[in-house]
Each structure stands twice: as structure tokens, then as C-alpha cells.
Amino acid sequence: MFHLASYWGMFDNTTEKSQKPEKQLNVLQTDLEVCGTDPMTGFYRDGCCNTGMDDGGTHTVCVIVTDEFLQFSKSKGNDLSTPIPQFGFAGLKSGDAWCLCALRWEEAKMAGAAPRVKLTATNIKTLQYVELADLKEHQIDLN
């Protein structure tokens, strides 16, 4: 299981960040858009759900978190709502945009707790783990 503390530990200033591909696509096969910057999200802390070889959790699904999802995630051992000041993490609250692990989103969907998805900011790599039709059922950004 991938825990937030180990995720945040990858971003101390003493280690060099790995290289991510320059341009990535979303699940609609267009340029990947920004997911969120307040709080700053993304495996590379660039506001986007970019991914690379070192992203073991595949943080590629741009979601708008809900209280229901935060409770679900906490019940699975990944407390995203509690602040971790030593890593500069204030904790998430309902309404925050966040790059979520693809398999965690799928697990939440199966449990009826999946948060809404911003398809234009969800990385195409997500489709290796999640069906596009399922993402579309939870989308917030298409008319």
C-alpha cells in the first residue's frame, strides 16, 4: 500500500526530482490540463497529473475530493485529510482538486465512493487501470 507520508517524503529539497516526460496527454487524447494548484497537486508538484517511471502509485486521476471519499481513503489506510506539517501538507478538504492514484479511484468506484473526475486533467495512463466509460460517468468537465 502506498502511503501519503512516503509520497511526500520524495519531495524534500535534498534529493533531485526525477525527469518526467515534457508533454503528456489526457484521457481524451488532448493536452493534459492543470488539475489544481491550491493545494499544489501532482506527483511532481506541478499542478498536473503528470506521471513517470518513478511514480509507483500512478497519481494520474484528477478528482475533486468529497468528504465521503476522504473517509473511504482513510478507512483504507491513506489519510488525506489530516495535515502533515513536516511535509508541508495541510490536509485535503471536500472540494479540493487532487491527483489521485488510478487504482485508489477504481477501488473507491467499486465501493460507491468515487470522487468526480476532471477528464481534461486526467492522464491517459489512467486508462491502463480504469475504463474510460467509468471515468466519463463521474466526469465534471464535459457538457
N, C-alpha and C. Protein backbone atom coordinates (compact mmCIF):
# COMPACT_ATOMS: atom_id res chain seq x y z
N MET A 1 0.85 -1.17 0.00
CA MET A 1 0.00 0.00 0.00
C MET A 1 0.90 1.24 0.00
N PHE A 2 0.53 2.22 -0.79
CA PHE A 2 1.31 3.45 -0.93
C PHE A 2 0.73 4.50 -0.01
N HIS A 3 1.50 4.99 0.95
CA HIS A 3 1.01 5.95 1.92
C HIS A 3 1.50 7.35 1.62
N LEU A 4 0.69 8.32 2.00
CA LEU A 4 0.97 9.72 1.73
C LEU A 4 2.32 10.15 2.31
N ALA A 5 2.67 9.70 3.50
CA ALA A 5 3.93 10.13 4.11
C ALA A 5 5.12 9.74 3.23
N SER A 6 5.10 8.55 2.65
CA SER A 6 6.21 8.17 1.78
C SER A 6 6.17 8.96 0.48
N TYR A 7 4.98 9.29 0.03
CA TYR A 7 4.82 10.12 -1.18
C TYR A 7 5.42 11.50 -0.94
N TRP A 8 5.07 12.12 0.15
CA TRP A 8 5.58 13.47 0.44
C TRP A 8 7.07 13.44 0.74
N GLY A 9 7.55 12.35 1.29
CA GLY A 9 8.97 12.25 1.60
C GLY A 9 9.85 12.30 0.37
N MET A 10 9.28 12.01 -0.79
CA MET A 10 10.04 12.04 -2.04
C MET A 10 10.38 13.47 -2.46
N PHE A 11 9.77 14.44 -1.80
CA PHE A 11 9.89 15.81 -2.27
C PHE A 11 10.65 16.72 -1.31
N ASP A 12 11.55 16.18 -0.54
CA ASP A 12 12.37 17.08 0.25
C ASP A 12 13.39 17.74 -0.67
N ASN A 13 13.96 18.81 -0.21
CA ASN A 13 14.85 19.60 -1.05
C ASN A 13 16.25 19.01 -1.19
N THR A 14 16.51 17.89 -0.55
CA THR A 14 17.85 17.32 -0.59
C THR A 14 18.03 16.32 -1.71
N THR A 15 16.93 15.92 -2.34
CA THR A 15 17.04 14.96 -3.42
C THR A 15 16.60 15.59 -4.72
N GLU A 16 17.17 15.15 -5.80
CA GLU A 16 16.81 15.67 -7.11
C GLU A 16 15.58 14.94 -7.63
N LYS A 17 14.63 15.70 -8.14
CA LYS A 17 13.42 15.10 -8.71
C LYS A 17 13.78 14.39 -10.01
N SER A 18 13.08 13.32 -10.27
CA SER A 18 13.33 12.58 -11.49
C SER A 18 12.75 13.32 -12.69
N GLN A 19 13.12 12.87 -13.85
CA GLN A 19 12.66 13.50 -15.08
C GLN A 19 11.29 12.96 -15.47
N LYS A 20 10.37 13.86 -15.79
CA LYS A 20 9.08 13.45 -16.31
C LYS A 20 9.04 13.81 -17.79
N PRO A 21 8.24 13.11 -18.55
CA PRO A 21 8.11 13.48 -19.96
C PRO A 21 7.61 14.91 -20.08
N GLU A 22 8.06 15.61 -21.11
CA GLU A 22 7.71 17.02 -21.29
C GLU A 22 6.22 17.25 -21.49
N LYS A 23 5.61 16.52 -22.41
CA LYS A 23 4.22 16.74 -22.74
C LYS A 23 3.46 15.44 -22.57
N GLN A 24 2.36 15.51 -21.83
CA GLN A 24 1.55 14.32 -21.63
C GLN A 24 0.12 14.62 -22.06
N LEU A 25 -0.62 13.57 -22.36
CA LEU A 25 -1.99 13.70 -22.84
C LEU A 25 -2.99 13.29 -21.77
N ASN A 26 -4.21 13.76 -21.93
CA ASN A 26 -5.29 13.36 -21.03
C ASN A 26 -6.05 12.17 -21.65
N VAL A 27 -7.05 11.69 -20.94
CA VAL A 27 -7.81 10.52 -21.40
C VAL A 27 -8.63 10.81 -22.66
N LEU A 28 -8.75 12.09 -23.02
CA LEU A 28 -9.46 12.48 -24.25
C LEU A 28 -8.49 12.65 -25.41
N GLN A 29 -7.21 12.35 -25.15
CA GLN A 29 -6.12 12.42 -26.12
C GLN A 29 -5.82 13.85 -26.58
N THR A 30 -6.03 14.81 -25.67
CA THR A 30 -5.61 16.19 -25.90
C THR A 30 -4.60 16.53 -24.82
N ASP A 31 -4.01 17.73 -24.89
CA ASP A 31 -3.00 18.12 -23.91
C ASP A 31 -3.55 18.04 -22.49
N LEU A 32 -2.75 17.49 -21.59
CA LEU A 32 -3.11 17.38 -20.19
C LEU A 32 -3.22 18.77 -19.57
N GLU A 33 -4.35 19.06 -18.95
CA GLU A 33 -4.58 20.36 -18.33
C GLU A 33 -4.21 20.32 -16.85
N VAL A 34 -4.11 21.49 -16.26
CA VAL A 34 -3.82 21.61 -14.83
C VAL A 34 -4.97 21.02 -14.02
N CYS A 35 -4.63 20.28 -13.00
CA CYS A 35 -5.62 19.70 -12.10
C CYS A 35 -5.90 20.68 -10.96
N GLY A 36 -4.85 21.11 -10.27
CA GLY A 36 -5.04 22.02 -9.14
C GLY A 36 -3.73 22.54 -8.59
N THR A 37 -3.79 23.77 -8.10
CA THR A 37 -2.59 24.38 -7.52
C THR A 37 -2.79 24.86 -6.08
N ASP A 38 -3.99 24.73 -5.54
CA ASP A 38 -4.25 25.14 -4.16
C ASP A 38 -5.21 24.15 -3.52
N PRO A 39 -4.69 23.06 -2.96
CA PRO A 39 -3.27 22.78 -2.73
C PRO A 39 -2.57 22.30 -4.01
N MET A 40 -1.26 22.49 -4.03
CA MET A 40 -0.47 22.04 -5.18
C MET A 40 -0.52 20.52 -5.23
N THR A 41 -0.87 20.00 -6.38
CA THR A 41 -1.02 18.56 -6.53
C THR A 41 -0.10 18.03 -7.61
N GLY A 42 -0.17 16.74 -7.82
CA GLY A 42 0.63 16.06 -8.83
C GLY A 42 1.85 15.41 -8.22
N PHE A 43 2.22 14.28 -8.76
CA PHE A 43 3.40 13.57 -8.27
C PHE A 43 4.64 14.46 -8.31
N TYR A 44 4.72 15.33 -9.31
CA TYR A 44 5.88 16.21 -9.46
C TYR A 44 5.63 17.59 -8.86
N ARG A 45 4.51 17.75 -8.19
CA ARG A 45 4.14 19.03 -7.58
C ARG A 45 4.18 20.16 -8.61
N ASP A 46 3.55 19.88 -9.76
CA ASP A 46 3.48 20.88 -10.84
C ASP A 46 2.04 21.26 -11.15
N GLY A 47 1.10 20.78 -10.33
CA GLY A 47 -0.31 21.10 -10.52
C GLY A 47 -1.01 20.19 -11.51
N CYS A 48 -0.25 19.33 -12.18
CA CYS A 48 -0.80 18.42 -13.20
C CYS A 48 -0.63 16.97 -12.77
N CYS A 49 -1.45 16.11 -13.36
CA CYS A 49 -1.36 14.69 -13.06
C CYS A 49 -0.38 14.01 -14.01
N ASN A 50 0.79 14.63 -14.15
CA ASN A 50 1.88 14.04 -14.93
C ASN A 50 2.38 12.80 -14.20
N THR A 51 2.96 11.89 -14.95
CA THR A 51 3.49 10.67 -14.35
C THR A 51 4.78 10.29 -15.06
N GLY A 52 5.53 9.42 -14.42
CA GLY A 52 6.78 8.93 -14.98
C GLY A 52 7.12 7.60 -14.35
N MET A 53 8.27 7.08 -14.72
CA MET A 53 8.69 5.75 -14.25
C MET A 53 8.78 5.67 -12.72
N ASP A 54 9.06 6.79 -12.06
CA ASP A 54 9.23 6.77 -10.61
C ASP A 54 7.92 6.97 -9.85
N ASP A 55 6.82 7.15 -10.54
CA ASP A 55 5.51 7.33 -9.90
C ASP A 55 4.87 5.96 -9.69
N GLY A 56 5.29 5.29 -8.65
CA GLY A 56 4.81 3.94 -8.37
C GLY A 56 3.33 3.86 -8.07
N GLY A 57 2.73 4.95 -7.63
CA GLY A 57 1.31 4.96 -7.31
C GLY A 57 0.43 5.36 -8.48
N THR A 58 1.02 5.77 -9.59
CA THR A 58 0.29 6.22 -10.77
C THR A 58 -0.75 7.27 -10.38
N HIS A 59 -0.26 8.43 -9.93
CA HIS A 59 -1.11 9.55 -9.48
C HIS A 59 -1.62 10.32 -10.70
N THR A 60 -2.61 9.75 -11.39
CA THR A 60 -2.99 10.25 -12.71
C THR A 60 -4.44 10.69 -12.86
N VAL A 61 -5.27 10.47 -11.86
CA VAL A 61 -6.69 10.81 -11.96
C VAL A 61 -6.94 12.14 -11.24
N CYS A 62 -7.38 13.15 -11.99
CA CYS A 62 -7.68 14.44 -11.39
C CYS A 62 -9.10 14.38 -10.82
N VAL A 63 -9.20 14.48 -9.51
CA VAL A 63 -10.50 14.38 -8.85
C VAL A 63 -10.79 15.64 -8.04
N ILE A 64 -12.06 15.81 -7.73
CA ILE A 64 -12.50 16.80 -6.76
C ILE A 64 -12.94 15.98 -5.56
N VAL A 65 -12.17 16.05 -4.48
CA VAL A 65 -12.43 15.17 -3.34
C VAL A 65 -13.71 15.56 -2.62
N THR A 66 -14.32 14.55 -2.04
CA THR A 66 -15.53 14.73 -1.23
C THR A 66 -15.26 14.20 0.17
N ASP A 67 -16.10 14.58 1.11
CA ASP A 67 -15.96 14.03 2.46
C ASP A 67 -16.10 12.52 2.44
N GLU A 68 -17.04 12.02 1.63
CA GLU A 68 -17.24 10.58 1.53
C GLU A 68 -15.97 9.87 1.05
N PHE A 69 -15.33 10.43 0.01
CA PHE A 69 -14.11 9.82 -0.49
C PHE A 69 -12.99 9.90 0.55
N LEU A 70 -12.84 11.05 1.21
CA LEU A 70 -11.79 11.20 2.22
C LEU A 70 -11.96 10.19 3.35
N GLN A 71 -13.19 9.94 3.76
CA GLN A 71 -13.44 8.92 4.79
C GLN A 71 -13.10 7.53 4.26
N PHE A 72 -13.46 7.26 3.01
CA PHE A 72 -13.14 5.97 2.39
C PHE A 72 -11.63 5.77 2.35
N SER A 73 -10.90 6.77 1.86
CA SER A 73 -9.45 6.65 1.75
C SER A 73 -8.82 6.42 3.12
N LYS A 74 -9.29 7.14 4.11
CA LYS A 74 -8.77 6.98 5.48
C LYS A 74 -9.02 5.55 5.96
N SER A 75 -10.18 4.99 5.64
CA SER A 75 -10.51 3.63 6.08
C SER A 75 -9.61 2.60 5.42
N LYS A 76 -8.98 2.97 4.28
CA LYS A 76 -8.08 2.08 3.57
C LYS A 76 -6.61 2.33 3.95
N GLY A 77 -6.38 3.19 4.95
CA GLY A 77 -5.04 3.41 5.44
C GLY A 77 -4.31 4.59 4.83
N ASN A 78 -4.99 5.40 4.02
CA ASN A 78 -4.36 6.58 3.41
C ASN A 78 -5.16 7.81 3.80
N ASP A 79 -4.79 8.40 4.93
CA ASP A 79 -5.49 9.57 5.48
C ASP A 79 -5.03 10.82 4.75
N LEU A 80 -5.86 11.32 3.85
CA LEU A 80 -5.52 12.51 3.07
C LEU A 80 -6.04 13.79 3.71
N SER A 81 -6.83 13.67 4.77
CA SER A 81 -7.43 14.86 5.37
C SER A 81 -6.66 15.42 6.55
N THR A 82 -5.80 14.62 7.15
CA THR A 82 -5.03 15.08 8.30
C THR A 82 -3.75 15.79 7.85
N PRO A 83 -3.52 17.02 8.34
CA PRO A 83 -2.30 17.75 7.97
C PRO A 83 -1.04 16.99 8.38
N ILE A 84 0.00 17.11 7.56
CA ILE A 84 1.33 16.58 7.87
C ILE A 84 2.30 17.75 7.68
N PRO A 85 2.42 18.60 8.69
CA PRO A 85 3.21 19.84 8.55
C PRO A 85 4.66 19.62 8.15
N GLN A 86 5.29 18.54 8.60
CA GLN A 86 6.69 18.31 8.27
C GLN A 86 6.91 18.11 6.78
N PHE A 87 5.83 17.80 6.04
CA PHE A 87 5.92 17.66 4.59
C PHE A 87 5.20 18.79 3.87
N GLY A 88 4.79 19.81 4.62
CA GLY A 88 4.11 20.95 4.02
C GLY A 88 2.72 20.61 3.50
N PHE A 89 2.09 19.60 4.09
CA PHE A 89 0.77 19.15 3.64
C PHE A 89 -0.29 19.59 4.64
N ALA A 90 -1.22 20.42 4.20
CA ALA A 90 -2.25 20.96 5.08
C ALA A 90 -3.45 20.03 5.23
N GLY A 91 -3.48 18.94 4.49
CA GLY A 91 -4.63 18.04 4.51
C GLY A 91 -5.66 18.51 3.49
N LEU A 92 -6.36 17.55 2.90
CA LEU A 92 -7.37 17.87 1.90
C LEU A 92 -8.73 18.04 2.55
N LYS A 93 -9.56 18.86 1.90
CA LYS A 93 -10.94 19.03 2.34
C LYS A 93 -11.84 18.89 1.13
N SER A 94 -13.10 18.64 1.37
CA SER A 94 -14.06 18.48 0.28
C SER A 94 -13.99 19.69 -0.65
N GLY A 95 -13.93 19.40 -1.95
CA GLY A 95 -13.84 20.46 -2.96
C GLY A 95 -12.45 20.68 -3.50
N ASP A 96 -11.42 20.14 -2.83
CA ASP A 96 -10.05 20.28 -3.32
C ASP A 96 -9.83 19.40 -4.54
N ALA A 97 -9.04 19.91 -5.50
CA ALA A 97 -8.63 19.11 -6.66
C ALA A 97 -7.35 18.36 -6.28
N TRP A 98 -7.24 17.11 -6.71
CA TRP A 98 -6.11 16.27 -6.30
C TRP A 98 -5.83 15.21 -7.34
N CYS A 99 -4.56 14.94 -7.60
CA CYS A 99 -4.16 13.85 -8.49
C CYS A 99 -4.13 12.56 -7.68
N LEU A 100 -5.08 11.73 -7.92
CA LEU A 100 -5.30 10.51 -7.16
C LEU A 100 -4.71 9.30 -7.89
N CYS A 101 -4.27 8.32 -7.12
CA CYS A 101 -3.79 7.07 -7.70
C CYS A 101 -4.93 6.40 -8.47
N ALA A 102 -4.63 5.92 -9.66
CA ALA A 102 -5.65 5.31 -10.51
C ALA A 102 -6.32 4.12 -9.83
N LEU A 103 -5.55 3.28 -9.20
CA LEU A 103 -6.14 2.11 -8.56
C LEU A 103 -6.96 2.47 -7.33
N ARG A 104 -6.61 3.55 -6.63
CA ARG A 104 -7.42 4.00 -5.49
C ARG A 104 -8.77 4.51 -6.00
N TRP A 105 -8.76 5.23 -7.15
CA TRP A 105 -10.03 5.71 -7.70
C TRP A 105 -10.91 4.51 -8.08
N GLU A 106 -10.33 3.52 -8.72
CA GLU A 106 -11.08 2.32 -9.11
C GLU A 106 -11.64 1.63 -7.88
N GLU A 107 -10.84 1.52 -6.84
CA GLU A 107 -11.29 0.89 -5.61
C GLU A 107 -12.46 1.69 -5.00
N ALA A 108 -12.35 3.00 -5.01
CA ALA A 108 -13.42 3.86 -4.48
C ALA A 108 -14.69 3.71 -5.32
N LYS A 109 -14.54 3.60 -6.63
CA LYS A 109 -15.69 3.40 -7.51
C LYS A 109 -16.41 2.12 -7.15
N MET A 110 -15.66 1.05 -6.96
CA MET A 110 -16.25 -0.24 -6.62
C MET A 110 -17.00 -0.18 -5.29
N ALA A 111 -16.56 0.70 -4.40
CA ALA A 111 -17.18 0.85 -3.08
C ALA A 111 -18.27 1.91 -3.07
N GLY A 112 -18.51 2.54 -4.21
CA GLY A 112 -19.54 3.58 -4.29
C GLY A 112 -19.10 4.91 -3.71
N ALA A 113 -17.79 5.15 -3.63
CA ALA A 113 -17.27 6.38 -3.02
C ALA A 113 -16.35 7.16 -3.95
N ALA A 114 -16.43 6.89 -5.25
CA ALA A 114 -15.52 7.56 -6.18
C ALA A 114 -15.83 9.05 -6.27
N PRO A 115 -14.79 9.88 -6.21
CA PRO A 115 -14.99 11.31 -6.39
C PRO A 115 -15.17 11.65 -7.88
N ARG A 116 -15.68 12.84 -8.14
CA ARG A 116 -15.85 13.31 -9.52
C ARG A 116 -14.49 13.49 -10.17
N VAL A 117 -14.46 13.41 -11.50
CA VAL A 117 -13.22 13.41 -12.27
C VAL A 117 -13.21 14.55 -13.28
N LYS A 118 -12.08 15.23 -13.36
CA LYS A 118 -11.86 16.22 -14.41
C LYS A 118 -11.10 15.50 -15.52
N LEU A 119 -11.82 15.13 -16.58
CA LEU A 119 -11.23 14.33 -17.65
C LEU A 119 -10.08 15.05 -18.37
N THR A 120 -10.20 16.35 -18.57
CA THR A 120 -9.18 17.09 -19.30
C THR A 120 -7.86 17.17 -18.52
N ALA A 121 -7.91 16.87 -17.23
CA ALA A 121 -6.71 16.89 -16.40
C ALA A 121 -6.32 15.50 -15.90
N THR A 122 -7.00 14.47 -16.40
CA THR A 122 -6.69 13.08 -16.03
C THR A 122 -5.80 12.47 -17.10
N ASN A 123 -4.65 11.99 -16.67
CA ASN A 123 -3.62 11.47 -17.57
C ASN A 123 -4.10 10.22 -18.31
N ILE A 124 -3.74 10.14 -19.58
CA ILE A 124 -4.11 9.00 -20.42
C ILE A 124 -3.61 7.67 -19.85
N LYS A 125 -2.55 7.69 -19.07
CA LYS A 125 -2.03 6.46 -18.47
C LYS A 125 -3.07 5.81 -17.55
N THR A 126 -4.00 6.59 -17.06
CA THR A 126 -5.07 6.06 -16.22
C THR A 126 -5.82 4.93 -16.90
N LEU A 127 -5.92 5.00 -18.23
CA LEU A 127 -6.69 4.01 -18.97
C LEU A 127 -6.07 2.62 -18.94
N GLN A 128 -4.86 2.50 -18.41
CA GLN A 128 -4.26 1.18 -18.20
C GLN A 128 -4.90 0.48 -17.00
N TYR A 129 -5.62 1.25 -16.17
CA TYR A 129 -6.17 0.72 -14.92
C TYR A 129 -7.68 0.91 -14.79
N VAL A 130 -8.22 1.90 -15.50
CA VAL A 130 -9.62 2.30 -15.33
C VAL A 130 -10.25 2.44 -16.71
N GLU A 131 -11.50 2.04 -16.84
CA GLU A 131 -12.23 2.17 -18.10
C GLU A 131 -12.65 3.62 -18.32
N LEU A 132 -12.49 4.10 -19.55
CA LEU A 132 -12.89 5.46 -19.89
C LEU A 132 -14.38 5.69 -19.61
N ALA A 133 -15.20 4.69 -19.89
CA ALA A 133 -16.64 4.83 -19.64
C ALA A 133 -16.93 5.09 -18.17
N ASP A 134 -16.16 4.45 -17.27
CA ASP A 134 -16.35 4.68 -15.83
C ASP A 134 -15.94 6.10 -15.46
N LEU A 135 -14.84 6.58 -16.02
CA LEU A 135 -14.41 7.95 -15.75
C LEU A 135 -15.46 8.93 -16.26
N LYS A 136 -15.99 8.67 -17.44
CA LYS A 136 -17.00 9.57 -18.02
C LYS A 136 -18.26 9.63 -17.16
N GLU A 137 -18.61 8.52 -16.52
CA GLU A 137 -19.78 8.51 -15.64
C GLU A 137 -19.59 9.43 -14.44
N HIS A 138 -18.34 9.73 -14.10
CA HIS A 138 -18.03 10.57 -12.94
C HIS A 138 -17.44 11.92 -13.33
N GLN A 139 -17.48 12.27 -14.60
CA GLN A 139 -16.83 13.48 -15.09
C GLN A 139 -17.57 14.75 -14.66
N ILE A 140 -16.80 15.84 -14.59
CA ILE A 140 -17.38 17.13 -14.22
C ILE A 140 -17.12 18.21 -15.27
N ASP A 141 -16.39 17.88 -16.33
CA ASP A 141 -15.95 18.95 -17.23
C ASP A 141 -16.38 18.82 -18.68
N LEU A 142 -17.25 17.87 -18.99
CA LEU A 142 -17.79 17.78 -20.35
C LEU A 142 -19.26 18.18 -20.33
N ASN A 143 -19.71 18.77 -21.40
CA ASN A 143 -21.13 19.17 -21.47
C ASN A 143 -21.98 18.02 -21.96
